[in-house]
Amino acid sequence: MEQVIGQTETALNRLRQAKHLIGEVRGTGEAAQGLICATADSSGSLTGVDINPRALRLSVAALGDEITEAIRLAQQDTSRRTGEIIEDAAASAGIPQPLDETFVRERIELAASNMYRQS
């Protein structure tokens, strides 16, 4: 029982550490050949956009597209970094991967075929 409690405490500590790390994640994205840089926090919320004055030479539509792309890349970077932290924490805490649809379907089909053979 003490071993189980110790393993649980270790897993919880790793998950707490992961939560802290996720809170500090900052994603970045660049567009227009680096003239536009966006940053996003761990929730994917935009925290900043830096626009080099040379980017203002773009048309309004192109500038809007490039700003949107930088923001999208920053949010994508945040999501990737957060996902890596979660995967590492789950693996080190001994949390099994969730069952996917294929695994469940195969198990149900196997059980059904075994039942059919027995009857």
N, C-alpha and C. Protein backbone atom coordinates (compact mmCIF):
# COMPACT_ATOMS: atom_id res chain seq x y z
N MET A 1 0.83 -1.19 0.00
CA MET A 1 0.00 0.00 0.00
C MET A 1 0.87 1.26 0.00
N GLU A 2 1.95 1.23 0.79
CA GLU A 2 2.85 2.38 0.83
C GLU A 2 3.50 2.64 -0.52
N GLN A 3 3.78 1.56 -1.24
CA GLN A 3 4.38 1.70 -2.57
C GLN A 3 3.40 2.40 -3.52
N VAL A 4 2.15 2.04 -3.46
CA VAL A 4 1.12 2.65 -4.31
C VAL A 4 0.98 4.13 -3.95
N ILE A 5 0.97 4.43 -2.67
CA ILE A 5 0.86 5.84 -2.24
C ILE A 5 2.08 6.62 -2.72
N GLY A 6 3.26 6.04 -2.61
CA GLY A 6 4.47 6.71 -3.09
C GLY A 6 4.44 6.96 -4.58
N GLN A 7 3.98 5.96 -5.34
CA GLN A 7 3.88 6.13 -6.79
C GLN A 7 2.86 7.21 -7.15
N THR A 8 1.77 7.23 -6.42
CA THR A 8 0.74 8.24 -6.66
C THR A 8 1.27 9.64 -6.36
N GLU A 9 1.98 9.79 -5.25
CA GLU A 9 2.56 11.09 -4.91
C GLU A 9 3.57 11.53 -5.97
N THR A 10 4.39 10.60 -6.44
CA THR A 10 5.36 10.92 -7.49
C THR A 10 4.64 11.38 -8.75
N ALA A 11 3.60 10.64 -9.13
CA ALA A 11 2.84 11.01 -10.33
C ALA A 11 2.20 12.38 -10.18
N LEU A 12 1.64 12.66 -9.01
CA LEU A 12 1.02 13.97 -8.77
C LEU A 12 2.04 15.09 -8.82
N ASN A 13 3.22 14.86 -8.27
CA ASN A 13 4.27 15.87 -8.32
C ASN A 13 4.69 16.15 -9.77
N ARG A 14 4.79 15.11 -10.57
CA ARG A 14 5.15 15.30 -11.98
C ARG A 14 4.06 16.07 -12.72
N LEU A 15 2.81 15.78 -12.41
CA LEU A 15 1.71 16.49 -13.05
C LEU A 15 1.66 17.95 -12.61
N ARG A 16 1.96 18.22 -11.34
CA ARG A 16 2.02 19.62 -10.84
C ARG A 16 3.13 20.38 -11.56
N GLN A 17 4.27 19.71 -11.72
CA GLN A 17 5.39 20.34 -12.42
C GLN A 17 5.00 20.63 -13.87
N ALA A 18 4.31 19.69 -14.50
CA ALA A 18 3.86 19.90 -15.88
C ALA A 18 2.91 21.08 -15.96
N LYS A 19 2.00 21.19 -15.00
CA LYS A 19 1.06 22.31 -14.98
C LYS A 19 1.80 23.64 -14.89
N HIS A 20 2.82 23.67 -14.06
CA HIS A 20 3.63 24.88 -13.92
C HIS A 20 4.33 25.20 -15.25
N LEU A 21 4.94 24.18 -15.86
CA LEU A 21 5.64 24.38 -17.13
C LEU A 21 4.69 24.86 -18.22
N ILE A 22 3.49 24.30 -18.25
CA ILE A 22 2.50 24.71 -19.25
C ILE A 22 2.14 26.18 -19.07
N GLY A 23 2.03 26.61 -17.82
CA GLY A 23 1.72 28.01 -17.55
C GLY A 23 2.77 28.98 -18.06
N GLU A 24 3.99 28.50 -18.22
CA GLU A 24 5.09 29.35 -18.69
C GLU A 24 5.33 29.26 -20.19
N VAL A 25 4.57 28.43 -20.89
CA VAL A 25 4.77 28.25 -22.33
C VAL A 25 4.45 29.54 -23.07
N ARG A 26 5.31 29.88 -23.99
CA ARG A 26 5.09 31.01 -24.89
C ARG A 26 5.41 30.50 -26.29
N GLY A 27 4.48 30.70 -27.20
CA GLY A 27 4.70 30.31 -28.58
C GLY A 27 5.01 31.52 -29.42
N THR A 28 5.78 31.31 -30.46
CA THR A 28 6.12 32.40 -31.36
C THR A 28 5.83 31.99 -32.80
N GLY A 29 5.53 32.96 -33.59
CA GLY A 29 5.30 32.74 -35.02
C GLY A 29 5.80 33.93 -35.80
N GLU A 30 6.39 33.64 -36.94
CA GLU A 30 6.90 34.70 -37.81
C GLU A 30 6.27 34.58 -39.19
N ALA A 31 6.11 35.73 -39.83
CA ALA A 31 5.60 35.76 -41.19
C ALA A 31 6.27 36.92 -41.91
N ALA A 32 6.00 37.02 -43.19
CA ALA A 32 6.57 38.08 -44.03
C ALA A 32 8.09 38.09 -43.90
N GLN A 33 8.66 36.90 -44.00
CA GLN A 33 10.12 36.74 -43.94
C GLN A 33 10.72 37.33 -42.66
N GLY A 34 10.00 37.14 -41.55
CA GLY A 34 10.49 37.59 -40.26
C GLY A 34 10.17 39.03 -39.91
N LEU A 35 9.46 39.72 -40.78
CA LEU A 35 9.13 41.12 -40.51
C LEU A 35 7.98 41.25 -39.51
N ILE A 36 7.20 40.18 -39.37
CA ILE A 36 6.08 40.19 -38.43
C ILE A 36 6.26 39.02 -37.48
N CYS A 37 6.27 39.32 -36.17
CA CYS A 37 6.43 38.28 -35.15
C CYS A 37 5.27 38.39 -34.17
N ALA A 38 4.68 37.22 -33.87
CA ALA A 38 3.58 37.18 -32.91
C ALA A 38 3.96 36.23 -31.78
N THR A 39 3.42 36.50 -30.59
CA THR A 39 3.62 35.60 -29.45
C THR A 39 2.25 35.29 -28.85
N ALA A 40 2.16 34.08 -28.30
CA ALA A 40 0.93 33.63 -27.66
C ALA A 40 1.28 32.96 -26.35
N ASP A 41 0.37 33.03 -25.38
CA ASP A 41 0.62 32.39 -24.09
C ASP A 41 0.14 30.95 -24.12
N SER A 42 0.22 30.29 -22.97
CA SER A 42 -0.09 28.86 -22.91
C SER A 42 -1.53 28.53 -23.27
N SER A 43 -2.42 29.48 -23.16
CA SER A 43 -3.81 29.23 -23.54
C SER A 43 -4.06 29.53 -25.01
N GLY A 44 -3.03 30.02 -25.70
CA GLY A 44 -3.17 30.36 -27.11
C GLY A 44 -3.59 31.79 -27.33
N SER A 45 -3.76 32.55 -26.26
CA SER A 45 -4.14 33.95 -26.39
C SER A 45 -2.97 34.78 -26.89
N LEU A 46 -3.26 35.68 -27.76
CA LEU A 46 -2.25 36.55 -28.32
C LEU A 46 -1.69 37.47 -27.25
N THR A 47 -0.36 37.53 -27.13
CA THR A 47 0.26 38.40 -26.13
C THR A 47 1.08 39.52 -26.77
N GLY A 48 1.32 39.42 -28.06
CA GLY A 48 2.06 40.48 -28.70
C GLY A 48 2.22 40.26 -30.19
N VAL A 49 2.34 41.37 -30.90
CA VAL A 49 2.63 41.36 -32.33
C VAL A 49 3.64 42.47 -32.58
N ASP A 50 4.77 42.09 -33.14
CA ASP A 50 5.78 43.07 -33.51
C ASP A 50 5.81 43.16 -35.03
N ILE A 51 5.70 44.38 -35.53
CA ILE A 51 5.70 44.59 -36.98
C ILE A 51 6.86 45.51 -37.32
N ASN A 52 7.76 44.99 -38.11
CA ASN A 52 8.88 45.79 -38.60
C ASN A 52 8.30 46.82 -39.56
N PRO A 53 8.74 48.06 -39.48
CA PRO A 53 8.19 49.09 -40.36
C PRO A 53 8.27 48.73 -41.85
N ARG A 54 9.23 47.91 -42.24
CA ARG A 54 9.32 47.51 -43.66
C ARG A 54 8.12 46.69 -44.09
N ALA A 55 7.44 46.01 -43.14
CA ALA A 55 6.26 45.22 -43.47
C ALA A 55 5.10 46.12 -43.90
N LEU A 56 5.15 47.38 -43.51
CA LEU A 56 4.07 48.31 -43.86
C LEU A 56 4.07 48.65 -45.34
N ARG A 57 5.07 48.20 -46.07
CA ARG A 57 5.11 48.39 -47.52
C ARG A 57 4.15 47.43 -48.23
N LEU A 58 3.72 46.40 -47.51
CA LEU A 58 2.78 45.44 -48.08
C LEU A 58 1.42 46.09 -48.26
N SER A 59 0.62 45.54 -49.16
CA SER A 59 -0.75 46.04 -49.29
C SER A 59 -1.51 45.72 -48.01
N VAL A 60 -2.61 46.41 -47.81
CA VAL A 60 -3.40 46.19 -46.61
C VAL A 60 -3.83 44.73 -46.51
N ALA A 61 -4.28 44.15 -47.62
CA ALA A 61 -4.73 42.75 -47.62
C ALA A 61 -3.56 41.81 -47.31
N ALA A 62 -2.41 42.04 -47.92
CA ALA A 62 -1.25 41.18 -47.69
C ALA A 62 -0.76 41.32 -46.25
N LEU A 63 -0.76 42.54 -45.73
CA LEU A 63 -0.35 42.77 -44.35
C LEU A 63 -1.28 42.02 -43.40
N GLY A 64 -2.57 42.11 -43.63
CA GLY A 64 -3.54 41.39 -42.81
C GLY A 64 -3.32 39.89 -42.86
N ASP A 65 -3.07 39.37 -44.05
CA ASP A 65 -2.81 37.94 -44.21
C ASP A 65 -1.55 37.51 -43.46
N GLU A 66 -0.51 38.31 -43.55
CA GLU A 66 0.77 37.98 -42.90
C GLU A 66 0.65 38.06 -41.37
N ILE A 67 -0.07 39.05 -40.87
CA ILE A 67 -0.29 39.15 -39.43
C ILE A 67 -1.09 37.94 -38.94
N THR A 68 -2.11 37.58 -39.68
CA THR A 68 -2.91 36.41 -39.33
C THR A 68 -2.06 35.16 -39.33
N GLU A 69 -1.19 35.02 -40.30
CA GLU A 69 -0.31 33.84 -40.38
C GLU A 69 0.65 33.80 -39.19
N ALA A 70 1.21 34.92 -38.81
CA ALA A 70 2.13 34.96 -37.66
C ALA A 70 1.39 34.55 -36.38
N ILE A 71 0.18 35.04 -36.22
CA ILE A 71 -0.62 34.68 -35.04
C ILE A 71 -0.94 33.19 -35.05
N ARG A 72 -1.35 32.67 -36.20
CA ARG A 72 -1.67 31.24 -36.31
C ARG A 72 -0.46 30.39 -35.96
N LEU A 73 0.71 30.78 -36.46
CA LEU A 73 1.93 30.02 -36.17
C LEU A 73 2.30 30.09 -34.69
N ALA A 74 2.09 31.24 -34.08
CA ALA A 74 2.37 31.37 -32.64
C ALA A 74 1.46 30.46 -31.83
N GLN A 75 0.18 30.44 -32.18
CA GLN A 75 -0.76 29.58 -31.47
C GLN A 75 -0.45 28.11 -31.72
N GLN A 76 -0.05 27.78 -32.93
CA GLN A 76 0.33 26.41 -33.27
C GLN A 76 1.57 26.00 -32.48
N ASP A 77 2.54 26.90 -32.34
CA ASP A 77 3.75 26.62 -31.58
C ASP A 77 3.41 26.39 -30.11
N THR A 78 2.50 27.21 -29.58
CA THR A 78 2.06 27.04 -28.19
C THR A 78 1.41 25.67 -28.00
N SER A 79 0.55 25.31 -28.91
CA SER A 79 -0.14 24.03 -28.83
C SER A 79 0.85 22.87 -28.88
N ARG A 80 1.83 22.96 -29.77
CA ARG A 80 2.85 21.90 -29.88
C ARG A 80 3.65 21.78 -28.60
N ARG A 81 4.10 22.90 -28.07
CA ARG A 81 4.90 22.88 -26.85
C ARG A 81 4.10 22.34 -25.66
N THR A 82 2.86 22.76 -25.55
CA THR A 82 2.00 22.28 -24.48
C THR A 82 1.76 20.78 -24.61
N GLY A 83 1.52 20.34 -25.83
CA GLY A 83 1.32 18.91 -26.07
C GLY A 83 2.52 18.08 -25.68
N GLU A 84 3.71 18.58 -25.98
CA GLU A 84 4.94 17.86 -25.61
C GLU A 84 5.06 17.73 -24.09
N ILE A 85 4.75 18.80 -23.39
CA ILE A 85 4.82 18.77 -21.92
C ILE A 85 3.81 17.75 -21.38
N ILE A 86 2.61 17.77 -21.92
CA ILE A 86 1.57 16.84 -21.46
C ILE A 86 1.98 15.39 -21.74
N GLU A 87 2.49 15.12 -22.93
CA GLU A 87 2.92 13.76 -23.27
C GLU A 87 4.04 13.29 -22.35
N ASP A 88 5.02 14.14 -22.12
CA ASP A 88 6.13 13.78 -21.23
C ASP A 88 5.64 13.52 -19.81
N ALA A 89 4.75 14.38 -19.34
CA ALA A 89 4.23 14.23 -17.97
C ALA A 89 3.42 12.95 -17.84
N ALA A 90 2.60 12.67 -18.82
CA ALA A 90 1.77 11.47 -18.77
C ALA A 90 2.64 10.21 -18.80
N ALA A 91 3.67 10.24 -19.64
CA ALA A 91 4.56 9.07 -19.73
C ALA A 91 5.35 8.88 -18.44
N SER A 92 5.88 9.96 -17.89
CA SER A 92 6.69 9.83 -16.67
C SER A 92 5.84 9.54 -15.44
N ALA A 93 4.55 9.93 -15.49
CA ALA A 93 3.66 9.67 -14.36
C ALA A 93 3.01 8.30 -14.46
N GLY A 94 3.25 7.61 -15.58
CA GLY A 94 2.69 6.28 -15.75
C GLY A 94 1.23 6.27 -16.15
N ILE A 95 0.78 7.37 -16.75
CA ILE A 95 -0.61 7.45 -17.19
C ILE A 95 -0.70 6.81 -18.58
N PRO A 96 -1.54 5.80 -18.76
CA PRO A 96 -1.63 5.14 -20.07
C PRO A 96 -2.25 6.06 -21.11
N GLN A 97 -1.89 5.82 -22.36
CA GLN A 97 -2.47 6.57 -23.47
C GLN A 97 -3.96 6.22 -23.58
N PRO A 98 -4.79 7.18 -23.96
CA PRO A 98 -6.21 6.86 -24.11
C PRO A 98 -6.41 5.86 -25.25
N LEU A 99 -7.44 5.07 -25.11
CA LEU A 99 -7.74 4.09 -26.14
C LEU A 99 -8.29 4.80 -27.35
N ASP A 100 -7.79 4.40 -28.52
CA ASP A 100 -8.31 5.01 -29.73
C ASP A 100 -9.45 4.16 -30.29
N GLU A 101 -10.15 4.71 -31.24
CA GLU A 101 -11.33 4.06 -31.81
C GLU A 101 -11.00 2.70 -32.44
N THR A 102 -9.86 2.61 -33.11
CA THR A 102 -9.46 1.35 -33.75
C THR A 102 -9.27 0.25 -32.73
N PHE A 103 -8.58 0.56 -31.63
CA PHE A 103 -8.33 -0.44 -30.59
C PHE A 103 -9.65 -0.95 -30.02
N VAL A 104 -10.54 -0.03 -29.70
CA VAL A 104 -11.83 -0.42 -29.11
C VAL A 104 -12.63 -1.25 -30.10
N ARG A 105 -12.68 -0.84 -31.36
CA ARG A 105 -13.44 -1.57 -32.37
C ARG A 105 -12.89 -2.99 -32.53
N GLU A 106 -11.56 -3.13 -32.58
CA GLU A 106 -10.95 -4.46 -32.73
C GLU A 106 -11.30 -5.36 -31.54
N ARG A 107 -11.28 -4.79 -30.34
CA ARG A 107 -11.62 -5.58 -29.14
C ARG A 107 -13.08 -6.03 -29.16
N ILE A 108 -13.95 -5.14 -29.57
CA ILE A 108 -15.37 -5.50 -29.63
C ILE A 108 -15.61 -6.58 -30.68
N GLU A 109 -14.97 -6.42 -31.84
CA GLU A 109 -15.12 -7.43 -32.89
C GLU A 109 -14.56 -8.78 -32.45
N LEU A 110 -13.43 -8.77 -31.76
CA LEU A 110 -12.85 -10.01 -31.25
C LEU A 110 -13.78 -10.67 -30.24
N ALA A 111 -14.31 -9.89 -29.33
CA ALA A 111 -15.23 -10.44 -28.33
C ALA A 111 -16.49 -10.99 -29.00
N ALA A 112 -17.00 -10.27 -29.99
CA ALA A 112 -18.20 -10.73 -30.69
C ALA A 112 -17.93 -12.03 -31.45
N SER A 113 -16.78 -12.11 -32.11
CA SER A 113 -16.47 -13.34 -32.84
C SER A 113 -16.25 -14.51 -31.89
N ASN A 114 -15.65 -14.26 -30.72
CA ASN A 114 -15.49 -15.33 -29.73
C ASN A 114 -16.83 -15.81 -29.21
N MET A 115 -17.74 -14.88 -28.98
CA MET A 115 -19.08 -15.25 -28.52
C MET A 115 -19.81 -16.06 -29.58
N TYR A 116 -19.65 -15.67 -30.85
CA TYR A 116 -20.32 -16.36 -31.95
C TYR A 116 -19.80 -17.79 -32.08
N ARG A 117 -18.47 -17.97 -31.92
CA ARG A 117 -17.88 -19.31 -32.03
C ARG A 117 -18.34 -20.21 -30.89
N GLN A 118 -18.55 -19.64 -29.72
CA GLN A 118 -18.95 -20.44 -28.56
C GLN A 118 -20.40 -20.86 -28.62
N SER A 119 -21.21 -20.17 -29.38
CA SER A 119 -22.63 -20.52 -29.40
C SER A 119 -22.96 -21.53 -30.46
